[in-house]
C-alpha atoms as a PDB file:
ATOM      1  CA  MET A   1       2.317 -16.708 -10.372  1.00  0.00           C
ATOM      2  CA  ALA A   2       3.641 -14.157 -12.853  1.00  0.00           C
ATOM      3  CA  LYS A   3       4.431 -10.663 -11.652  1.00  0.00           C
ATOM      4  CA  GLU A   4       3.715  -7.444 -13.489  1.00  0.00           C
ATOM      5  CA  LYS A   5       5.313  -4.092 -12.839  1.00  0.00           C
ATOM      6  CA  PHE A   6       3.423  -0.815 -12.916  1.00  0.00           C
ATOM      7  CA  GLY A   7       4.312   2.682 -11.820  1.00  0.00           C
ATOM      8  CA  VAL A   8       2.520   4.328  -8.945  1.00  0.00           C
ATOM      9  CA  ALA A   9       2.768   7.871  -7.595  1.00  0.00           C
ATOM     10  CA  VAL A  10       2.186   8.120  -3.840  1.00  0.00           C
ATOM     11  CA  ASP A  11       2.303  10.846  -1.217  1.00  0.00           C
ATOM     12  CA  GLU A  12       5.613  11.390   0.530  1.00  0.00           C
ATOM     13  CA  GLU A  13       4.076  10.310   3.846  1.00  0.00           C
ATOM     14  CA  ILE A  14       3.292   6.899   2.376  1.00  0.00           C
ATOM     15  CA  VAL A  15       6.846   6.577   1.094  1.00  0.00           C
ATOM     16  CA  GLN A  16       8.123   7.358   4.598  1.00  0.00           C
ATOM     17  CA  GLU A  17       5.810   4.748   6.121  1.00  0.00           C
ATOM     18  CA  VAL A  18       6.961   2.125   3.619  1.00  0.00           C
ATOM     19  CA  ASP A  19      10.593   3.032   4.304  1.00  0.00           C
ATOM     20  CA  GLU A  20       9.952   2.560   8.040  1.00  0.00           C
ATOM     21  CA  LEU A  21       8.404  -0.844   7.369  1.00  0.00           C
ATOM     22  CA  VAL A  22      11.415  -1.800   5.240  1.00  0.00           C
ATOM     23  CA  ALA A  23      13.703  -0.843   8.136  1.00  0.00           C
ATOM     24  CA  GLU A  24      11.585  -2.824  10.611  1.00  0.00           C
ATOM     25  CA  CYS A  25      11.695  -5.879   8.324  1.00  0.00           C
ATOM     26  CA  ASP A  26      15.468  -5.628   7.907  1.00  0.00           C
ATOM     27  CA  ASP A  27      15.896  -9.167   9.235  1.00  0.00           C
ATOM     28  CA  LEU A  28      13.839 -10.395   6.266  1.00  0.00           C
ATOM     29  CA  GLY A  29      15.716  -8.300   3.732  1.00  0.00           C
ATOM     30  CA  ALA A  30      12.324  -7.068   2.493  1.00  0.00           C
ATOM     31  CA  THR A  31      12.250  -4.450  -0.235  1.00  0.00           C
ATOM     32  CA  GLY A  32       9.795  -1.589  -0.582  1.00  0.00           C
ATOM     33  CA  SER A  33       8.197  -3.446  -3.464  1.00  0.00           C
ATOM     34  CA  GLU A  34       7.665  -6.542  -1.296  1.00  0.00           C
ATOM     35  CA  ILE A  35       6.169  -4.418   1.481  1.00  0.00           C
ATOM     36  CA  VAL A  36       3.714  -2.725  -0.906  1.00  0.00           C
ATOM     37  CA  GLU A  37       2.793  -6.092  -2.428  1.00  0.00           C
ATOM     38  CA  ALA A  38       2.176  -7.521   1.070  1.00  0.00           C
ATOM     39  CA  ILE A  39      -0.071  -4.573   1.939  1.00  0.00           C
ATOM     40  CA  LEU A  40      -2.022  -4.945  -1.308  1.00  0.00           C
ATOM     41  CA  THR A  41      -2.308  -8.707  -0.802  1.00  0.00           C
ATOM     42  CA  ALA A  42      -3.683  -8.236   2.721  1.00  0.00           C
ATOM     43  CA  PHE A  43      -6.183  -5.658   1.442  1.00  0.00           C
ATOM     44  CA  VAL A  44      -7.378  -7.726  -1.504  1.00  0.00           C
ATOM     45  CA  GLN A  45      -7.686 -10.913   0.557  1.00  0.00           C
ATOM     46  CA  SER A  46      -9.666  -9.210   3.327  1.00  0.00           C
ATOM     47  CA  GLU A  47     -13.394  -9.718   3.600  1.00  0.00           C
ATOM     48  CA  THR A  48     -14.258  -6.032   3.174  1.00  0.00           C
ATOM     49  CA  ASN A  49     -16.093  -4.449   0.269  1.00  0.00           C
ATOM     50  CA  HIS A  50     -13.052  -3.287  -1.702  1.00  0.00           C
ATOM     51  CA  VAL A  51     -14.930  -1.038  -4.115  1.00  0.00           C
ATOM     52  CA  GLU A  52     -16.703   0.777  -1.303  1.00  0.00           C
ATOM     53  CA  GLN A  53     -13.535   1.154   0.751  1.00  0.00           C
ATOM     54  CA  VAL A  54     -11.429   2.395  -2.184  1.00  0.00           C
ATOM     55  CA  ARG A  55     -14.109   4.889  -3.184  1.00  0.00           C
ATOM     56  CA  GLU A  56     -14.299   6.203   0.385  1.00  0.00           C
ATOM     57  CA  ILE A  57     -10.509   6.610   0.584  1.00  0.00           C
ATOM     58  CA  ILE A  58     -10.358   8.445  -2.759  1.00  0.00           C
ATOM     59  CA  ILE A  59     -13.173  10.803  -1.776  1.00  0.00           C
ATOM     60  CA  ARG A  60     -11.622  11.516   1.644  1.00  0.00           C
ATOM     61  CA  LYS A  61      -8.191  12.168   0.098  1.00  0.00           C
ATOM     62  CA  ARG A  62      -9.662  14.537  -2.480  1.00  0.00           C
ATOM     63  CA  LYS A  63     -11.436  16.466   0.288  1.00  0.00           C
ATOM     64  CA  GLY A  64      -8.213  16.623   2.301  1.00  0.00           C
ATOM     65  CA  ALA A  65      -9.805  14.618   5.096  1.00  0.00           C
ATOM     66  CA  LEU A  66      -7.231  11.849   4.998  1.00  0.00           C
END
């Protein structure tokens, strides 16, 4: 499967969480990019309604409730 790069701006807290996951996966030599891809893969492959969940997260973040 081909990979495509794209830039993403994220909150500093998310960066810190990803950095912690990278440190915890040190034995795998996982990069931040691999961690983010794994998270996105798990989300997309889940059985939830992705549109509804993404909309809810965006609304909550904009209201400062997340």
